[in-house]
Amino acid sequence: MKYEVILFDADETLYDFKKSEREAFKNTMFKFNIDYNEDYHLKIYKEINTALWKEFEQGLITQEKLKIERFKRLSDQLDVSFDAPKFAKLYMEYLSDASFLYDDSMELIETLNKSYRLAIVTNGLTLVQDKRIRKSILAKYFETVVISEEILISKPDPKIFEHTLKHMNFSDKSKVLIVGDSLSSDIQGGINFGIDTCWYNPNKIVNNTSITPTYEISNFDELKSLLLHA
């Protein structure tokens, strides 16, 4: 087989982060006695959060500041007064308890685990990802789960992959593949590090960027075919 090590992104690749986010945000809004309308409030929050994570990828904001800044911006945009640090703390507590796998994730990882060494590399917050991912039923199949906030390095910085492979005592980049849903984070990060990349694109979004993955898949059967029948 061409590869020996498969690095996976976590959220929106193996884990249904949108569902986790939806549940945690709803519960926090209720706790703060805000008259919650998911179609309105969640949409605004997601726009703010997505923009901030893009800023983080570009090195424009720290994860520590991001945790609270997103809720400061939410409060301003909604013109609703609440304590942003307290809101952030409660939201992350709810989010850490909301671990949902996609339907095919377990079967995929159980299958690949028989032939490959596996690891997760996630741009996440330690408080949230440690419980959602490291303590999930899927975690036992991964040699390591690398969380960006924990090591103060994030994708697309190639050093996060260097750290992961060093932890795994593996150095042959030609035998490593990164699988993830984000072109700017997972795929660009893999390219920066000099490893092959596989863009998981279940919604078949048109790639209008200059980022070119080695492979593109829209479902896990395609990934299994690529890795197990090559």
C-alpha atoms as a PDB file:
ATOM      1  CA  MET A   1       0.000   0.000   0.000  1.00  0.00           C
ATOM      2  CA  LYS A   2       1.168   3.504  -0.784  1.00  0.00           C
ATOM      3  CA  TYR A   3       0.379   4.947   2.654  1.00  0.00           C
ATOM      4  CA  GLU A   4       1.082   3.805   6.203  1.00  0.00           C
ATOM      5  CA  VAL A   5      -0.242   6.743   8.233  1.00  0.00           C
ATOM      6  CA  ILE A   6      -3.610   8.447   7.752  1.00  0.00           C
ATOM      7  CA  LEU A   7      -4.174  11.765   9.526  1.00  0.00           C
ATOM      8  CA  PHE A   8      -7.807  12.778   9.958  1.00  0.00           C
ATOM      9  CA  ASP A   9      -9.425  16.082  10.641  1.00  0.00           C
ATOM     10  CA  ALA A  10     -12.164  15.675  13.249  1.00  0.00           C
ATOM     11  CA  ASP A  11     -15.072  18.072  12.838  1.00  0.00           C
ATOM     12  CA  GLU A  12     -17.171  17.880   9.674  1.00  0.00           C
ATOM     13  CA  THR A  13     -15.032  14.920   8.611  1.00  0.00           C
ATOM     14  CA  LEU A  14     -15.625  12.194  11.225  1.00  0.00           C
ATOM     15  CA  TYR A  15     -17.648  14.156  13.786  1.00  0.00           C
ATOM     16  CA  ASP A  16     -20.878  16.040  13.148  1.00  0.00           C
ATOM     17  CA  PHE A  17     -19.814  19.391  14.557  1.00  0.00           C
ATOM     18  CA  LYS A  18     -22.812  21.234  13.154  1.00  0.00           C
ATOM     19  CA  LYS A  19     -25.097  19.078  15.294  1.00  0.00           C
ATOM     20  CA  SER A  20     -22.903  19.603  18.363  1.00  0.00           C
ATOM     21  CA  GLU A  21     -22.817  23.340  17.773  1.00  0.00           C
ATOM     22  CA  ARG A  22     -26.566  23.531  17.256  1.00  0.00           C
ATOM     23  CA  GLU A  23     -27.317  21.718  20.517  1.00  0.00           C
ATOM     24  CA  ALA A  24     -24.778  23.632  22.591  1.00  0.00           C
ATOM     25  CA  PHE A  25     -25.804  27.022  21.244  1.00  0.00           C
ATOM     26  CA  LYS A  26     -29.506  26.350  21.778  1.00  0.00           C
ATOM     27  CA  ASN A  27     -28.940  25.190  25.368  1.00  0.00           C
ATOM     28  CA  THR A  28     -26.805  28.230  26.164  1.00  0.00           C
ATOM     29  CA  MET A  29     -29.318  30.669  24.711  1.00  0.00           C
ATOM     30  CA  PHE A  30     -32.086  29.059  26.746  1.00  0.00           C
ATOM     31  CA  LYS A  31     -29.952  29.226  29.881  1.00  0.00           C
ATOM     32  CA  PHE A  32     -29.491  32.961  29.351  1.00  0.00           C
ATOM     33  CA  ASN A  33     -33.259  33.386  28.906  1.00  0.00           C
ATOM     34  CA  ILE A  34     -32.931  34.678  25.357  1.00  0.00           C
ATOM     35  CA  ASP A  35     -36.033  34.199  23.203  1.00  0.00           C
ATOM     36  CA  TYR A  36     -34.310  31.794  20.851  1.00  0.00           C
ATOM     37  CA  ASN A  37     -35.038  31.500  17.143  1.00  0.00           C
ATOM     38  CA  GLU A  38     -32.682  28.953  15.571  1.00  0.00           C
ATOM     39  CA  ASP A  39     -33.089  30.191  12.005  1.00  0.00           C
ATOM     40  CA  TYR A  40     -32.172  33.709  13.077  1.00  0.00           C
ATOM     41  CA  HIS A  41     -29.793  33.443  16.032  1.00  0.00           C
ATOM     42  CA  LEU A  42     -27.787  30.394  14.978  1.00  0.00           C
ATOM     43  CA  LYS A  43     -27.253  31.763  11.476  1.00  0.00           C
ATOM     44  CA  ILE A  44     -25.773  34.980  12.859  1.00  0.00           C
ATOM     45  CA  TYR A  45     -23.588  33.129  15.349  1.00  0.00           C
ATOM     46  CA  LYS A  46     -22.238  30.752  12.690  1.00  0.00           C
ATOM     47  CA  GLU A  47     -21.327  33.643  10.413  1.00  0.00           C
ATOM     48  CA  ILE A  48     -19.441  35.326  13.257  1.00  0.00           C
ATOM     49  CA  ASN A  49     -17.763  32.097  14.363  1.00  0.00           C
ATOM     50  CA  THR A  50     -16.721  31.095  10.835  1.00  0.00           C
ATOM     51  CA  ALA A  51     -15.196  34.516  10.226  1.00  0.00           C
ATOM     52  CA  LEU A  52     -13.247  34.342  13.498  1.00  0.00           C
ATOM     53  CA  TRP A  53     -11.871  30.867  12.775  1.00  0.00           C
ATOM     54  CA  LYS A  54     -10.701  32.169   9.381  1.00  0.00           C
ATOM     55  CA  GLU A  55      -8.975  35.003  11.232  1.00  0.00           C
ATOM     56  CA  PHE A  56      -7.393  32.402  13.503  1.00  0.00           C
ATOM     57  CA  GLU A  57      -6.096  30.354  10.542  1.00  0.00           C
ATOM     58  CA  GLN A  58      -4.530  33.557   9.218  1.00  0.00           C
ATOM     59  CA  GLY A  59      -2.876  34.303  12.546  1.00  0.00           C
ATOM     60  CA  LEU A  60      -4.998  37.402  13.182  1.00  0.00           C
ATOM     61  CA  ILE A  61      -6.495  36.257  16.498  1.00  0.00           C
ATOM     62  CA  THR A  62      -5.538  33.790  19.219  1.00  0.00           C
ATOM     63  CA  GLN A  63      -7.756  30.899  20.229  1.00  0.00           C
ATOM     64  CA  GLU A  64      -7.891  32.311  23.743  1.00  0.00           C
ATOM     65  CA  LYS A  65      -9.321  35.589  22.476  1.00  0.00           C
ATOM     66  CA  LEU A  66     -11.562  33.843  19.924  1.00  0.00           C
ATOM     67  CA  LYS A  67     -13.409  31.961  22.679  1.00  0.00           C
ATOM     68  CA  ILE A  68     -14.960  35.160  24.013  1.00  0.00           C
ATOM     69  CA  GLU A  69     -14.718  37.542  21.064  1.00  0.00           C
ATOM     70  CA  ARG A  70     -17.316  35.574  19.081  1.00  0.00           C
ATOM     71  CA  PHE A  71     -19.888  36.134  21.813  1.00  0.00           C
ATOM     72  CA  LYS A  72     -18.974  39.801  22.236  1.00  0.00           C
ATOM     73  CA  ARG A  73     -19.657  40.235  18.528  1.00  0.00           C
ATOM     74  CA  LEU A  74     -22.862  38.227  18.856  1.00  0.00           C
ATOM     75  CA  SER A  75     -24.082  40.418  21.699  1.00  0.00           C
ATOM     76  CA  ASP A  76     -23.319  43.541  19.669  1.00  0.00           C
ATOM     77  CA  GLN A  77     -24.968  42.260  16.504  1.00  0.00           C
ATOM     78  CA  LEU A  78     -28.102  41.031  18.272  1.00  0.00           C
ATOM     79  CA  ASP A  79     -28.176  44.145  20.445  1.00  0.00           C
ATOM     80  CA  VAL A  80     -28.741  41.846  23.418  1.00  0.00           C
ATOM     81  CA  SER A  81     -26.755  42.402  26.597  1.00  0.00           C
ATOM     82  CA  PHE A  82     -25.164  39.359  28.239  1.00  0.00           C
ATOM     83  CA  ASP A  83     -21.863  38.502  29.927  1.00  0.00           C
ATOM     84  CA  ALA A  84     -19.742  37.205  27.026  1.00  0.00           C
ATOM     85  CA  PRO A  85     -17.134  35.363  29.159  1.00  0.00           C
ATOM     86  CA  LYS A  86     -19.872  33.549  31.115  1.00  0.00           C
ATOM     87  CA  PHE A  87     -21.745  32.784  27.896  1.00  0.00           C
ATOM     88  CA  ALA A  88     -18.530  31.404  26.369  1.00  0.00           C
ATOM     89  CA  LYS A  89     -17.784  29.211  29.393  1.00  0.00           C
ATOM     90  CA  LEU A  90     -21.263  27.693  29.454  1.00  0.00           C
ATOM     91  CA  TYR A  91     -21.330  27.206  25.686  1.00  0.00           C
ATOM     92  CA  MET A  92     -18.042  25.303  25.749  1.00  0.00           C
ATOM     93  CA  GLU A  93     -19.285  23.121  28.596  1.00  0.00           C
ATOM     94  CA  TYR A  94     -22.365  22.198  26.584  1.00  0.00           C
ATOM     95  CA  LEU A  95     -20.262  21.718  23.442  1.00  0.00           C
ATOM     96  CA  SER A  96     -17.810  19.394  25.193  1.00  0.00           C
ATOM     97  CA  ASP A  97     -20.739  17.129  26.089  1.00  0.00           C
ATOM     98  CA  ALA A  98     -22.051  17.056  22.520  1.00  0.00           C
ATOM     99  CA  SER A  99     -20.086  14.383  20.668  1.00  0.00           C
ATOM    100  CA  PHE A 100     -21.828  13.057  17.569  1.00  0.00           C
ATOM    101  CA  LEU A 101     -20.246  10.823  14.945  1.00  0.00           C
ATOM    102  CA  TYR A 102     -21.411  10.670  11.369  1.00  0.00           C
ATOM    103  CA  ASP A 103     -23.206   7.403  10.616  1.00  0.00           C
ATOM    104  CA  ASP A 104     -20.323   5.855   8.656  1.00  0.00           C
ATOM    105  CA  SER A 105     -17.408   7.102  10.756  1.00  0.00           C
ATOM    106  CA  MET A 106     -17.113   4.142  13.109  1.00  0.00           C
ATOM    107  CA  GLU A 107     -17.199   1.537  10.333  1.00  0.00           C
ATOM    108  CA  LEU A 108     -14.629   3.507   8.309  1.00  0.00           C
ATOM    109  CA  ILE A 109     -12.166   3.844  11.160  1.00  0.00           C
ATOM    110  CA  GLU A 110     -12.599   0.259  12.334  1.00  0.00           C
ATOM    111  CA  THR A 111     -11.822  -0.882   8.794  1.00  0.00           C
ATOM    112  CA  LEU A 112      -8.827   1.385   8.215  1.00  0.00           C
ATOM    113  CA  ASN A 113      -7.411   0.646  11.645  1.00  0.00           C
ATOM    114  CA  LYS A 114      -6.625  -2.898  10.467  1.00  0.00           C
ATOM    115  CA  SER A 115      -4.257  -1.648   7.779  1.00  0.00           C
ATOM    116  CA  TYR A 116      -3.083   1.825   8.774  1.00  0.00           C
ATOM    117  CA  ARG A 117      -1.760   3.860  11.657  1.00  0.00           C
ATOM    118  CA  LEU A 118      -4.275   6.604  12.417  1.00  0.00           C
ATOM    119  CA  ALA A 119      -4.206  10.005  14.116  1.00  0.00           C
ATOM    120  CA  ILE A 120      -6.494  13.017  14.474  1.00  0.00           C
ATOM    121  CA  VAL A 121      -5.280  16.576  13.978  1.00  0.00           C
ATOM    122  CA  THR A 122      -7.849  19.199  14.960  1.00  0.00           C
ATOM    123  CA  ASN A 123      -7.942  22.989  15.139  1.00  0.00           C
ATOM    124  CA  GLY A 124      -9.947  22.988  18.311  1.00  0.00           C
ATOM    125  CA  LEU A 125     -10.191  24.169  21.878  1.00  0.00           C
ATOM    126  CA  THR A 126      -8.757  21.757  24.439  1.00  0.00           C
ATOM    127  CA  LEU A 127     -11.668  21.944  26.871  1.00  0.00           C
ATOM    128  CA  VAL A 128     -14.069  21.031  24.083  1.00  0.00           C
ATOM    129  CA  GLN A 129     -12.083  18.576  21.973  1.00  0.00           C
ATOM    130  CA  ASP A 130     -10.593  16.581  24.829  1.00  0.00           C
ATOM    131  CA  LYS A 131     -14.042  15.427  25.925  1.00  0.00           C
ATOM    132  CA  ARG A 132     -15.745  15.353  22.516  1.00  0.00           C
ATOM    133  CA  ILE A 133     -12.964  13.469  20.750  1.00  0.00           C
ATOM    134  CA  ARG A 134     -10.367  11.996  23.091  1.00  0.00           C
ATOM    135  CA  LYS A 135     -13.054  10.490  25.296  1.00  0.00           C
ATOM    136  CA  SER A 136     -15.362   9.407  22.470  1.00  0.00           C
ATOM    137  CA  ILE A 137     -15.900   5.795  21.423  1.00  0.00           C
ATOM    138  CA  LEU A 138     -13.769   6.402  18.341  1.00  0.00           C
ATOM    139  CA  ALA A 139     -10.669   7.585  20.198  1.00  0.00           C
ATOM    140  CA  LYS A 140      -9.201   4.139  20.890  1.00  0.00           C
ATOM    141  CA  TYR A 141      -8.441   3.672  17.200  1.00  0.00           C
ATOM    142  CA  PHE A 142      -6.097   6.681  17.025  1.00  0.00           C
ATOM    143  CA  GLU A 143      -2.503   6.663  18.185  1.00  0.00           C
ATOM    144  CA  THR A 144      -2.767  10.324  19.058  1.00  0.00           C
ATOM    145  CA  VAL A 145      -5.262  13.168  19.011  1.00  0.00           C
ATOM    146  CA  VAL A 146      -3.482  16.484  18.451  1.00  0.00           C
ATOM    147  CA  ILE A 147      -5.439  19.586  19.507  1.00  0.00           C
ATOM    148  CA  SER A 148      -4.168  22.919  18.222  1.00  0.00           C
ATOM    149  CA  GLU A 149      -4.798  24.918  21.396  1.00  0.00           C
ATOM    150  CA  GLU A 150      -2.892  22.370  23.444  1.00  0.00           C
ATOM    151  CA  ILE A 151       0.321  22.667  21.430  1.00  0.00           C
ATOM    152  CA  LEU A 152      -0.183  26.297  20.315  1.00  0.00           C
ATOM    153  CA  ILE A 153       0.133  25.348  16.645  1.00  0.00           C
ATOM    154  CA  SER A 154      -2.756  25.139  14.219  1.00  0.00           C
ATOM    155  CA  LYS A 155      -3.467  24.026  10.686  1.00  0.00           C
ATOM    156  CA  PRO A 156      -2.394  25.089   8.075  1.00  0.00           C
ATOM    157  CA  ASP A 157       0.943  25.537   9.881  1.00  0.00           C
ATOM    158  CA  PRO A 158       3.048  22.519   8.812  1.00  0.00           C
ATOM    159  CA  LYS A 159       4.517  22.301  12.309  1.00  0.00           C
ATOM    160  CA  ILE A 160       1.294  20.720  13.606  1.00  0.00           C
ATOM    161  CA  PHE A 161       1.838  17.775  11.267  1.00  0.00           C
ATOM    162  CA  GLU A 162       5.518  17.645  12.156  1.00  0.00           C
ATOM    163  CA  HIS A 163       4.516  17.442  15.826  1.00  0.00           C
ATOM    164  CA  THR A 164       2.023  14.651  15.080  1.00  0.00           C
ATOM    165  CA  LEU A 165       4.462  12.471  13.155  1.00  0.00           C
ATOM    166  CA  LYS A 166       7.181  13.018  15.741  1.00  0.00           C
ATOM    167  CA  HIS A 167       4.752  11.826  18.414  1.00  0.00           C
ATOM    168  CA  MET A 168       4.075   8.755  16.266  1.00  0.00           C
ATOM    169  CA  ASN A 169       7.799   8.204  15.651  1.00  0.00           C
ATOM    170  CA  PHE A 170       7.216   8.267  11.893  1.00  0.00           C
ATOM    171  CA  SER A 171       9.167  10.344   9.382  1.00  0.00           C
ATOM    172  CA  ASP A 172       8.441   9.171   5.826  1.00  0.00           C
ATOM    173  CA  LYS A 173       6.178  11.901   4.432  1.00  0.00           C
ATOM    174  CA  SER A 174       5.604   9.966   1.223  1.00  0.00           C
ATOM    175  CA  LYS A 175       3.600   7.429   3.208  1.00  0.00           C
ATOM    176  CA  VAL A 176       1.321   9.934   4.965  1.00  0.00           C
ATOM    177  CA  LEU A 177      -2.108  11.164   3.858  1.00  0.00           C
ATOM    178  CA  ILE A 178      -4.242  13.897   5.451  1.00  0.00           C
ATOM    179  CA  VAL A 179      -8.029  13.608   5.084  1.00  0.00           C
ATOM    180  CA  GLY A 180     -10.203  16.611   5.884  1.00  0.00           C
ATOM    181  CA  ASP A 181     -13.073  18.827   4.794  1.00  0.00           C
ATOM    182  CA  SER A 182     -11.312  22.197   4.826  1.00  0.00           C
ATOM    183  CA  LEU A 183      -9.283  23.340   1.833  1.00  0.00           C
ATOM    184  CA  SER A 184      -7.744  26.262   3.721  1.00  0.00           C
ATOM    185  CA  SER A 185      -6.903  24.290   6.858  1.00  0.00           C
ATOM    186  CA  ASP A 186      -6.486  20.557   6.177  1.00  0.00           C
ATOM    187  CA  ILE A 187      -5.516  20.546   2.518  1.00  0.00           C
ATOM    188  CA  GLN A 188      -3.383  23.681   2.536  1.00  0.00           C
ATOM    189  CA  GLY A 189      -1.741  22.442   5.730  1.00  0.00           C
ATOM    190  CA  GLY A 190      -0.906  19.095   4.142  1.00  0.00           C
ATOM    191  CA  ILE A 191       0.500  20.833   1.075  1.00  0.00           C
ATOM    192  CA  ASN A 192       2.582  23.126   3.288  1.00  0.00           C
ATOM    193  CA  PHE A 193       4.001  20.079   5.052  1.00  0.00           C
ATOM    194  CA  GLY A 194       4.662  18.159   1.842  1.00  0.00           C
ATOM    195  CA  ILE A 195       2.251  15.242   2.256  1.00  0.00           C
ATOM    196  CA  ASP A 196      -0.556  13.954   0.053  1.00  0.00           C
ATOM    197  CA  THR A 197      -4.000  15.338   0.735  1.00  0.00           C
ATOM    198  CA  CYS A 198      -7.557  14.061   0.409  1.00  0.00           C
ATOM    199  CA  TRP A 199     -10.363  16.614   0.390  1.00  0.00           C
ATOM    200  CA  TYR A 200     -13.559  15.218   1.913  1.00  0.00           C
ATOM    201  CA  ASN A 201     -16.249  17.112   0.032  1.00  0.00           C
ATOM    202  CA  PRO A 202     -19.623  15.443   0.749  1.00  0.00           C
ATOM    203  CA  ASN A 203     -21.608  18.426  -0.521  1.00  0.00           C
ATOM    204  CA  LYS A 204     -19.629  18.487  -3.783  1.00  0.00           C
ATOM    205  CA  ILE A 205     -18.705  22.139  -3.411  1.00  0.00           C
ATOM    206  CA  VAL A 206     -16.942  23.597  -6.439  1.00  0.00           C
ATOM    207  CA  ASN A 207     -13.298  24.339  -5.637  1.00  0.00           C
ATOM    208  CA  ASN A 208     -12.742  27.918  -6.785  1.00  0.00           C
ATOM    209  CA  THR A 209      -9.465  28.268  -4.895  1.00  0.00           C
ATOM    210  CA  SER A 210      -5.884  27.756  -6.006  1.00  0.00           C
ATOM    211  CA  ILE A 211      -5.574  24.895  -3.489  1.00  0.00           C
ATOM    212  CA  THR A 212      -5.342  21.552  -5.280  1.00  0.00           C
ATOM    213  CA  PRO A 213      -5.759  18.351  -3.227  1.00  0.00           C
ATOM    214  CA  THR A 214      -4.143  15.096  -4.308  1.00  0.00           C
ATOM    215  CA  TYR A 215      -7.551  13.406  -4.124  1.00  0.00           C
ATOM    216  CA  GLU A 216     -11.143  14.488  -3.728  1.00  0.00           C
ATOM    217  CA  ILE A 217     -13.899  12.257  -2.318  1.00  0.00           C
ATOM    218  CA  SER A 218     -17.565  12.811  -1.521  1.00  0.00           C
ATOM    219  CA  ASN A 219     -18.155   9.742   0.661  1.00  0.00           C
ATOM    220  CA  PHE A 220     -16.272   7.246   2.804  1.00  0.00           C
ATOM    221  CA  ASP A 221     -16.735   4.394   0.331  1.00  0.00           C
ATOM    222  CA  GLU A 222     -14.555   6.340  -2.077  1.00  0.00           C
ATOM    223  CA  LEU A 223     -11.919   6.721   0.631  1.00  0.00           C
ATOM    224  CA  LYS A 224     -11.976   2.987   1.379  1.00  0.00           C
ATOM    225  CA  SER A 225     -11.679   2.241  -2.317  1.00  0.00           C
ATOM    226  CA  LEU A 226      -8.741   4.606  -2.590  1.00  0.00           C
ATOM    227  CA  LEU A 227      -6.906   3.206   0.424  1.00  0.00           C
ATOM    228  CA  LEU A 228      -7.809  -0.477   0.451  1.00  0.00           C
ATOM    229  CA  HIS A 229      -8.021  -1.372  -3.236  1.00  0.00           C
ATOM    230  CA  ALA A 230      -5.254   0.734  -4.709  1.00  0.00           C
END
